[in-house]
Structures are given as structure tokens and as C-alpha cells.
Amino acid sequence: MADGFDPLAEFERTAAELAAILEIVAPAAAVPSCPGWTVADLAEHVGAGQRWAASILLSSQPQKVPAVLRTAISWSDWYAGTTAALVAAIKAVDPAEHCWNFSPGQQFAGFWTRRRLHETAVHLVDALQAAADPAADTDSIETGRPLGQVIPPAVAADGVDEVFEVFLPRMLARGFPPVVTRQVGVRAVDTGHEWTLTPAGQGEPSTVDRSGATGDVIVSGTALELYLAMWRRLPAGSLRLEGDTLAAAGLVDGRVTP
């Protein structure tokens, strides 16, 4: 995990930002980065995920994603309640305690604080884009502020690290083709974080070296640009490539995250 921030504090701040956006955007508004979704769909997805993570933390065992039963409560208030439940669960369990999660080799409770932070941050970007859409039912100028004010560089850098550490193996295990077939270096130009991804054996996830960026190609951008590109919220063309660009094809154009 990248250092320089408190994951729980950032999770609470990011979740509060999302709840505030849900308060001012019409539930039926479209979410441009998630085709077919409305803001209500986004709220349900993230809120159900908060409840799911809380149930896993409190039981230490895998659980089903809960069905959403919601009455007259607003999406913003309901989502804020799911966040409060997850925060309580996080505080009730030692981060080092054994707990199921979907990252082999990281079977401890602290995984979930980081995971839900990044799940919330990416969908906060989705909600902000929905709010900024001319068709959205909002006139709040707050929705137009730079994303760098919403997702700090240190958080974005940690999100890139999570993709390499957790999601490259996860996508491979789910049957997607490997995205790292040649050595690739990745550099966050604003934070100084660097990674080298090296392909491993057949069916094995690539190895991650955090001591520098070397390889047949170097992929660079700000931490936020790298983060959003990995989650397909920013075009891959926003990143800079130095070296054999074909070596980076899988990473910048392939299925890196769900």
C-alpha cells in the first residue's frame, strides 16, 4: 500500500462526498461512465457493497451481496447509513485479524478499508460526471471542481498499486488473458511512485517491483491519470508511453479491472 494518508479517514471523506452528490442529483440521471446505469443504480451498487464488506468483516467469512430493500428513505441517506455501518465494522475488527477477501495472500481485515476506499472513489468520479452532465437535475457548482481536489494524489497512487497487487491476479483468475506479457514500467510523475511489472509463468500473475520503473516500455502520467485509466474512467491515450508501445498494449488497452 502506498503511504502518506489514513485509509479509513479517506474512506469516510470520500463516502461523504458521494453522499453529498447523491443528495443533489436526480436518481434517474444517467451515469455516462457506466452505460445503462442511473444514479440510483450507482447508489444501490456502492451501498450494497458497503453492507457486503461489513458483513464479511464481522463474520470473517465470505458472504452474499445483500439484496437492497429500501422504502421512503432517500438514496443519499440510505447510502450514508451503509457507510456508517461499514465504518463501525472496520473499527470493530483489528486490521491484522484473519478475514476472507478475494486477494490471495492478503487474508486480513485491513484489506477491506482499502478496497472500499477505492470502490467509493471510482464511483465518486462516476457520480461527479453524472452531476456535471447538462441533463442532470442539479445546478451545484461544487460538482465542477477538479478531480484532483476530490482524489488526492497519494490515494490515487495507492489505487494504482491496488490494481497491480489485487486486480491483475483477480482478472487472470477469472479467465481474462494476461495484460502483462512483457516487462512494463509504470511511473506516477507527480508522486514519485514507480512500479515494474514482469510477466511470470503460464497462468501466473505478473510480479510487482516497487523500487523503480524499467522495462520494454515506460507508462507514465500523474497518479490520478494512471488510476482513472486503469479503471477505464479516462482514455488510455491520456498516458505517455516511452519505448516499445506494443509492450504496453495489454496494460493500457486490455481488461485490467472488472
Protein backbone atom coordinates (compact mmCIF):
# COMPACT_ATOMS: atom_id res chain seq x y z
CA MET A 1 0.00 0.00 0.00
CA ALA A 2 1.22 3.49 -0.83
CA ASP A 3 1.84 5.64 2.22
CA GLY A 4 1.01 9.24 3.07
CA PHE A 5 -2.67 9.00 4.09
CA ASP A 6 -5.07 7.37 6.55
CA PRO A 7 -7.20 4.86 4.57
CA LEU A 8 -10.14 4.98 6.99
CA ALA A 9 -10.18 8.78 7.15
CA GLU A 10 -10.01 8.97 3.35
CA PHE A 11 -12.77 6.40 3.03
CA GLU A 12 -15.05 8.40 5.32
CA ARG A 13 -14.28 11.65 3.48
CA THR A 14 -14.80 10.10 0.04
CA ALA A 15 -18.04 8.42 1.12
CA ALA A 16 -19.32 11.73 2.50
CA GLU A 17 -18.52 13.37 -0.84
CA LEU A 18 -20.52 10.71 -2.65
CA ALA A 19 -23.48 11.05 -0.26
CA ALA A 20 -23.49 14.80 -0.91
CA ILE A 21 -23.62 14.26 -4.68
CA LEU A 22 -26.45 11.74 -4.29
CA GLU A 23 -28.36 14.40 -2.39
CA ILE A 24 -28.38 16.86 -5.28
CA VAL A 25 -28.54 14.71 -8.43
CA ALA A 26 -31.80 13.19 -9.62
CA PRO A 27 -31.85 9.39 -9.05
CA ALA A 28 -32.93 8.90 -12.67
CA ALA A 29 -29.95 10.84 -14.07
CA ALA A 30 -27.70 8.79 -16.37
CA VAL A 31 -24.16 7.86 -15.35
CA PRO A 32 -22.05 8.47 -18.51
CA SER A 33 -19.14 6.25 -17.43
CA CYS A 34 -21.44 3.31 -16.59
CA PRO A 35 -23.68 2.88 -19.67
CA GLY A 36 -27.18 1.82 -18.74
CA TRP A 37 -26.87 2.92 -15.12
CA THR A 38 -28.77 5.67 -13.38
CA VAL A 39 -27.55 7.48 -10.27
CA ALA A 40 -29.94 5.28 -8.26
CA ASP A 41 -28.27 2.17 -9.70
CA LEU A 42 -24.88 3.55 -8.71
CA ALA A 43 -26.07 4.31 -5.17
CA GLU A 44 -27.54 0.82 -4.82
CA HIS A 45 -24.36 -0.81 -6.11
CA VAL A 46 -22.00 1.04 -3.79
CA GLY A 47 -24.28 0.91 -0.76
CA ALA A 48 -24.88 -2.83 -1.15
CA GLY A 49 -21.11 -3.22 -1.41
CA GLN A 50 -20.62 -1.37 1.88
CA ARG A 51 -23.08 -3.70 3.59
CA TRP A 52 -21.42 -6.73 1.97
CA ALA A 53 -17.97 -5.70 3.21
CA ALA A 54 -19.34 -5.01 6.71
CA SER A 55 -20.90 -8.47 6.88
CA ILE A 56 -17.63 -10.08 5.82
CA LEU A 57 -15.63 -8.11 8.37
CA LEU A 58 -17.94 -9.03 11.24
CA SER A 59 -18.05 -12.72 10.31
CA SER A 60 -14.56 -13.10 8.74
CA GLN A 61 -16.25 -15.37 6.20
CA PRO A 62 -17.42 -14.91 2.59
CA GLN A 63 -20.97 -13.57 2.30
CA LYS A 64 -23.50 -12.93 -0.45
CA VAL A 65 -24.05 -9.35 -1.60
CA PRO A 66 -27.28 -8.34 0.20
CA ALA A 67 -30.47 -7.55 -1.66
CA VAL A 68 -31.49 -3.91 -1.30
CA LEU A 69 -34.83 -3.26 0.39
CA ARG A 70 -35.39 0.47 0.54
CA THR A 71 -38.60 2.35 1.37
CA ALA A 72 -39.07 6.12 1.55
CA ILE A 73 -35.55 6.98 2.67
CA SER A 74 -33.52 8.98 0.15
CA TRP A 75 -30.69 7.33 -1.72
CA SER A 76 -28.27 9.76 -0.07
CA ASP A 77 -29.43 8.94 3.47
CA TRP A 78 -29.56 5.21 2.76
CA TYR A 79 -26.07 5.25 1.32
CA ALA A 80 -24.75 7.28 4.25
CA GLY A 81 -26.24 4.67 6.59
CA THR A 82 -24.49 1.82 4.78
CA THR A 83 -21.22 3.73 5.09
CA ALA A 84 -21.75 4.28 8.81
CA ALA A 85 -22.36 0.54 9.22
CA LEU A 86 -19.14 -0.29 7.38
CA VAL A 87 -17.11 2.23 9.36
CA ALA A 88 -18.43 0.68 12.59
CA ALA A 89 -17.45 -2.79 11.35
CA ILE A 90 -13.97 -1.60 10.37
CA LYS A 91 -13.45 -0.13 13.83
CA ALA A 92 -14.74 -3.30 15.49
CA VAL A 93 -12.16 -5.59 13.86
CA ASP A 94 -8.39 -5.39 14.15
CA PRO A 95 -6.89 -4.75 10.68
CA ALA A 96 -4.49 -7.65 11.19
CA GLU A 97 -7.26 -10.12 12.04
CA HIS A 98 -7.75 -13.00 9.63
CA CYS A 99 -10.66 -12.24 7.29
CA TRP A 100 -11.77 -13.59 3.95
CA ASN A 101 -11.32 -11.44 0.87
CA PHE A 102 -10.72 -12.01 -2.83
CA SER A 103 -6.99 -11.31 -2.84
CA PRO A 104 -4.93 -14.47 -2.33
CA GLY A 105 -2.23 -13.91 0.24
CA GLN A 106 -3.97 -10.93 1.87
CA GLN A 107 -6.50 -12.67 4.06
CA PHE A 108 -6.72 -9.97 6.72
CA ALA A 109 -9.36 -7.44 7.68
CA GLY A 110 -7.41 -4.33 6.69
CA PHE A 111 -7.91 -5.28 3.03
CA TRP A 112 -11.49 -4.06 3.16
CA THR A 113 -10.77 -0.50 4.23
CA ARG A 114 -8.50 -0.04 1.24
CA ARG A 115 -10.85 -1.84 -1.15
CA ARG A 116 -13.94 0.13 -0.18
CA LEU A 117 -11.99 3.38 -0.32
CA HIS A 118 -11.10 2.75 -3.95
CA GLU A 119 -14.50 1.36 -4.88
CA THR A 120 -16.05 4.52 -3.45
CA ALA A 121 -13.51 6.85 -5.05
CA VAL A 122 -14.01 5.45 -8.55
CA HIS A 123 -17.78 5.66 -8.23
CA LEU A 124 -17.50 9.17 -6.80
CA VAL A 125 -15.90 10.09 -10.13
CA ASP A 126 -18.89 8.47 -11.87
CA ALA A 127 -21.34 10.46 -9.73
CA LEU A 128 -19.48 13.72 -10.37
CA GLN A 129 -19.60 13.08 -14.10
CA ALA A 130 -23.34 12.40 -13.82
CA ALA A 131 -23.78 15.64 -11.89
CA ALA A 132 -21.81 17.59 -14.47
CA ASP A 133 -23.95 16.27 -17.33
CA PRO A 134 -26.12 19.09 -18.73
CA ALA A 135 -29.14 16.79 -18.47
CA ALA A 136 -28.61 16.20 -14.73
CA ASP A 137 -31.03 17.82 -12.32
CA THR A 138 -28.52 19.96 -10.42
CA ASP A 139 -27.07 23.44 -10.55
CA SER A 140 -24.37 22.92 -7.92
CA ILE A 141 -21.08 24.50 -8.94
CA GLU A 142 -19.35 22.17 -6.47
CA THR A 143 -19.72 19.29 -8.92
CA GLY A 144 -17.39 21.02 -11.35
CA ARG A 145 -14.28 21.20 -9.20
CA PRO A 146 -11.11 19.41 -10.39
CA LEU A 147 -10.95 15.70 -9.63
CA GLY A 148 -7.53 16.27 -8.09
CA GLN A 149 -9.31 18.05 -5.25
CA VAL A 150 -11.56 15.03 -4.73
CA ILE A 151 -8.99 12.22 -5.01
CA PRO A 152 -5.61 13.22 -3.52
CA PRO A 153 -2.50 12.06 -5.40
CA ALA A 154 -1.45 9.70 -2.59
CA VAL A 155 -4.83 7.95 -2.71
CA ALA A 156 -4.65 7.69 -6.49
CA ALA A 157 -1.15 6.19 -6.31
CA ASP A 158 -2.38 3.62 -3.82
CA GLY A 159 -5.24 2.83 -6.19
CA VAL A 160 -2.75 2.07 -8.95
CA ASP A 161 -0.83 -0.16 -6.55
CA GLU A 162 -4.05 -1.98 -5.63
CA VAL A 163 -4.78 -2.65 -9.31
CA PHE A 164 -1.36 -4.23 -9.76
CA GLU A 165 -1.42 -6.16 -6.49
CA VAL A 166 -5.06 -7.28 -6.37
CA PHE A 167 -6.82 -6.92 -9.70
CA LEU A 168 -4.24 -8.19 -12.18
CA PRO A 169 -4.24 -11.58 -10.40
CA ARG A 170 -8.03 -11.44 -9.92
CA MET A 171 -8.75 -10.83 -13.59
CA LEU A 172 -6.35 -13.59 -14.59
CA ALA A 173 -8.07 -15.99 -12.19
CA ARG A 174 -11.42 -15.07 -13.73
CA GLY A 175 -10.22 -16.22 -17.15
CA PHE A 176 -9.20 -12.95 -18.79
CA PRO A 177 -5.98 -13.01 -20.83
CA PRO A 178 -2.84 -11.70 -19.12
CA VAL A 179 -2.27 -7.99 -19.69
CA VAL A 180 1.44 -8.12 -18.88
CA THR A 181 3.26 -10.20 -21.48
CA ARG A 182 6.50 -8.19 -21.49
CA GLN A 183 8.20 -6.16 -18.81
CA VAL A 184 6.48 -2.81 -18.31
CA GLY A 185 7.48 0.12 -16.11
CA VAL A 186 4.87 2.49 -14.70
CA ARG A 187 5.66 5.92 -13.29
CA ALA A 188 3.47 8.42 -11.40
CA VAL A 189 5.17 11.66 -12.32
CA ASP A 190 3.66 13.74 -9.50
CA THR A 191 4.09 11.42 -6.51
CA GLY A 192 7.30 9.61 -7.48
CA HIS A 193 5.75 6.13 -7.20
CA GLU A 194 7.21 3.64 -9.67
CA TRP A 195 6.41 0.04 -10.49
CA THR A 196 7.93 -2.63 -12.72
CA LEU A 197 5.59 -5.39 -13.87
CA THR A 198 7.27 -8.58 -15.06
CA PRO A 199 5.40 -11.50 -16.64
CA ALA A 200 5.60 -14.77 -14.75
CA GLY A 201 4.94 -18.34 -15.81
CA GLN A 202 1.90 -19.65 -17.68
CA GLY A 203 -1.24 -18.77 -15.75
CA GLU A 204 0.71 -16.93 -13.06
CA PRO A 205 0.15 -13.24 -12.25
CA SER A 206 2.89 -10.78 -13.08
CA THR A 207 5.32 -9.81 -10.34
CA VAL A 208 5.35 -6.24 -9.00
CA ASP A 209 8.57 -4.44 -8.10
CA ARG A 210 8.06 -1.05 -6.43
CA SER A 211 11.71 0.04 -6.45
CA GLY A 212 11.68 1.63 -9.90
CA ALA A 213 10.16 1.70 -13.39
CA THR A 214 12.05 -0.33 -16.00
CA GLY A 215 11.05 -2.46 -18.97
CA ASP A 216 10.47 -2.52 -22.68
CA VAL A 217 8.16 0.45 -22.27
CA ILE A 218 7.51 3.04 -19.56
CA VAL A 219 3.93 4.14 -18.99
CA SER A 220 3.68 7.46 -17.19
CA GLY A 221 1.15 10.01 -16.06
CA THR A 222 0.02 11.65 -12.88
CA ALA A 223 -1.15 9.22 -10.21
CA LEU A 224 -4.73 10.28 -10.90
CA GLU A 225 -4.37 9.79 -14.65
CA LEU A 226 -2.93 6.31 -14.13
CA TYR A 227 -5.64 5.45 -11.60
CA LEU A 228 -8.57 6.55 -13.73
CA ALA A 229 -7.12 4.98 -16.87
CA MET A 230 -6.75 1.62 -15.09
CA TRP A 231 -10.44 1.83 -14.14
CA ARG A 232 -11.41 2.98 -17.67
CA ARG A 233 -12.63 6.37 -16.47
CA LEU A 234 -10.02 8.12 -18.60
CA PRO A 235 -8.89 7.25 -22.14
CA ALA A 236 -5.67 5.25 -22.28
CA GLY A 237 -4.38 7.87 -24.71
CA SER A 238 -4.07 10.24 -21.76
CA LEU A 239 -0.98 8.31 -20.64
CA ARG A 240 2.54 8.75 -22.02
CA LEU A 241 4.45 5.79 -23.46
CA GLU A 242 8.23 5.66 -23.88
CA GLY A 243 9.77 2.66 -25.62
CA ASP A 244 8.07 -0.18 -27.45
CA THR A 245 4.44 0.84 -27.23
CA LEU A 246 3.28 -2.65 -28.24
CA ALA A 247 4.69 -3.94 -24.96
CA ALA A 248 2.12 -1.84 -23.08
CA ALA A 249 -0.85 -2.79 -25.26
CA GLY A 250 -2.32 -5.24 -22.78
CA LEU A 251 -1.95 -2.93 -19.81
CA VAL A 252 -3.38 0.20 -21.43
CA ASP A 253 -5.96 -1.42 -23.72
CA GLY A 254 -6.71 -4.78 -22.07
CA ARG A 255 -9.09 -5.79 -19.29
CA VAL A 256 -7.18 -4.70 -16.18
CA THR A 257 -10.14 -4.22 -13.82
CA PRO A 258 -13.73 -5.53 -13.70
